[in-house]
Amino acid sequence: MYFLVFQQILGEAILDLVYFPVWWYSFGFGHAAKNCWVWFLQGNARLAPGLWLKNIFVPMFGQYDWEGRIISFVMRFFQVIMRSLALLVWLIFCVVLLLFWIGFPLLILSGIVQLFIKAR
């Protein structure tokens, strides 16, 4: 009885080890890519450079004189530039995380191979 249970557990463990790379680079990668896209959209919603760009010619604080319009335009112009750059940095961060997802198992595998090579 115990031999059958041990055999079943060992068989499932071997099957999990074989299936892991398939899952990591298919379903796991899809899940990671979807999460990275959601994080990018959340960063876009938080920084909202499009909203600042949409209102670039609207005077701030109801200052409709020409000084208020110029100051509002310059302020919003720099806000659009800085928020767009911050969003670009956030996009690069998300892409790097996704690339790390792809390369992490390969990095671990190369470390294990080098460990065995040095052990000889």
Protein backbone atom coordinates (compact mmCIF):
# COMPACT_ATOMS: atom_id res chain seq x y z
CA MET A 1 0.00 0.00 0.00
CA TYR A 2 2.70 2.47 1.03
CA PHE A 3 4.72 1.54 -2.04
CA LEU A 4 1.83 2.49 -4.31
CA VAL A 5 1.44 5.87 -2.57
CA PHE A 6 5.19 6.52 -2.80
CA GLN A 7 5.16 5.51 -6.47
CA GLN A 8 2.25 7.88 -7.19
CA ILE A 9 3.92 10.80 -5.38
CA LEU A 10 7.25 10.17 -7.11
CA GLY A 11 5.55 9.93 -10.50
CA GLU A 12 3.71 13.23 -9.97
CA ALA A 13 6.92 14.92 -8.78
CA ILE A 14 8.76 13.81 -11.92
CA LEU A 15 5.84 14.91 -14.09
CA ASP A 16 5.84 18.32 -12.36
CA LEU A 17 9.57 18.73 -12.98
CA VAL A 18 9.11 17.92 -16.66
CA TYR A 19 6.02 20.13 -17.03
CA PHE A 20 7.52 23.13 -15.19
CA PRO A 21 9.45 24.63 -18.16
CA VAL A 22 6.42 24.18 -20.40
CA TRP A 23 4.22 25.99 -17.92
CA TRP A 24 6.82 28.70 -17.19
CA TYR A 25 7.22 29.70 -20.83
CA SER A 26 3.56 29.31 -21.87
CA PHE A 27 0.84 29.89 -19.28
CA GLY A 28 3.17 31.46 -16.72
CA PHE A 29 4.60 33.87 -19.28
CA GLY A 30 1.09 34.83 -20.41
CA HIS A 31 0.10 35.51 -16.82
CA ALA A 32 3.27 37.56 -16.21
CA ALA A 33 2.77 39.54 -19.43
CA LYS A 34 -0.84 40.28 -18.49
CA ASN A 35 0.27 41.48 -15.04
CA CYS A 36 2.96 43.70 -16.56
CA TRP A 37 0.39 45.23 -18.90
CA VAL A 38 -1.98 45.87 -15.98
CA TRP A 39 0.88 47.51 -14.03
CA PHE A 40 1.65 49.73 -17.02
CA LEU A 41 -2.02 50.74 -17.32
CA GLN A 42 -2.13 51.50 -13.60
CA GLY A 43 0.97 53.67 -13.96
CA ASN A 44 -0.67 55.45 -16.89
CA ALA A 45 -3.81 56.02 -14.84
CA ARG A 46 -1.77 57.36 -11.93
CA LEU A 47 0.51 59.64 -13.97
CA ALA A 48 -2.12 60.57 -16.60
CA PRO A 49 0.04 62.48 -19.08
CA GLY A 50 -2.81 62.34 -21.60
CA LEU A 51 -5.12 64.18 -19.22
CA TRP A 52 -2.52 66.89 -18.70
CA LEU A 53 -2.04 67.14 -22.46
CA LYS A 54 -5.79 67.35 -23.02
CA ASN A 55 -6.02 70.34 -20.67
CA ILE A 56 -2.79 72.07 -21.73
CA PHE A 57 -4.57 75.23 -22.95
CA VAL A 58 -7.04 75.44 -20.05
CA PRO A 59 -5.97 78.12 -17.56
CA MET A 60 -5.25 76.90 -14.05
CA PHE A 61 -7.15 78.28 -11.04
CA GLY A 62 -9.49 80.27 -13.28
CA GLN A 63 -6.77 82.74 -14.24
CA TYR A 64 -8.05 83.87 -17.65
CA ASP A 65 -5.66 86.80 -18.05
CA TRP A 66 -2.70 86.40 -20.41
CA GLU A 67 -0.16 85.92 -17.57
CA GLY A 68 -2.23 83.14 -16.05
CA ARG A 69 -2.63 81.45 -19.42
CA ILE A 70 1.12 81.57 -20.12
CA ILE A 71 2.04 80.27 -16.68
CA SER A 72 -0.59 77.51 -16.94
CA PHE A 73 0.62 76.47 -20.39
CA VAL A 74 4.28 76.34 -19.31
CA MET A 75 3.42 74.45 -16.11
CA ARG A 76 1.29 71.89 -17.91
CA PHE A 77 3.85 71.55 -20.71
CA PHE A 78 6.57 70.58 -18.22
CA GLN A 79 4.12 68.30 -16.40
CA VAL A 80 3.33 66.47 -19.66
CA ILE A 81 7.04 66.04 -20.41
CA MET A 82 7.97 64.85 -16.90
CA ARG A 83 4.98 62.54 -16.55
CA SER A 84 5.62 61.06 -20.00
CA LEU A 85 9.25 60.41 -19.06
CA ALA A 86 8.16 58.83 -15.78
CA LEU A 87 5.70 56.64 -17.70
CA LEU A 88 8.49 55.63 -20.08
CA VAL A 89 10.68 54.65 -17.12
CA TRP A 90 7.77 52.65 -15.70
CA LEU A 91 7.31 50.91 -19.08
CA ILE A 92 11.01 50.03 -19.18
CA PHE A 93 10.76 48.67 -15.65
CA CYS A 94 7.78 46.49 -16.62
CA VAL A 95 9.60 45.17 -19.71
CA VAL A 96 12.71 44.40 -17.65
CA LEU A 97 10.57 42.44 -15.20
CA LEU A 98 9.11 40.48 -18.09
CA LEU A 99 12.57 39.78 -19.50
CA PHE A 100 13.67 38.69 -16.04
CA TRP A 101 10.76 36.23 -16.05
CA ILE A 102 12.09 34.74 -19.28
CA GLY A 103 15.72 34.61 -18.21
CA PHE A 104 15.44 33.55 -14.56
CA PRO A 105 15.17 29.77 -15.12
CA LEU A 106 18.02 29.90 -17.62
CA LEU A 107 20.14 31.79 -15.09
CA ILE A 108 19.40 29.21 -12.39
CA LEU A 109 20.12 26.33 -14.79
CA SER A 110 23.45 27.85 -15.85
CA GLY A 111 24.38 28.30 -12.18
CA ILE A 112 23.59 24.65 -11.45
CA VAL A 113 25.60 23.49 -14.49
CA GLN A 114 28.59 25.62 -13.45
CA LEU A 115 28.35 24.26 -9.91
CA PHE A 116 28.56 20.70 -11.21
CA ILE A 117 31.41 21.58 -13.58
CA LYS A 118 33.44 23.13 -10.74
CA ALA A 119 32.70 20.16 -8.48
CA ARG A 120 34.54 17.81 -10.85
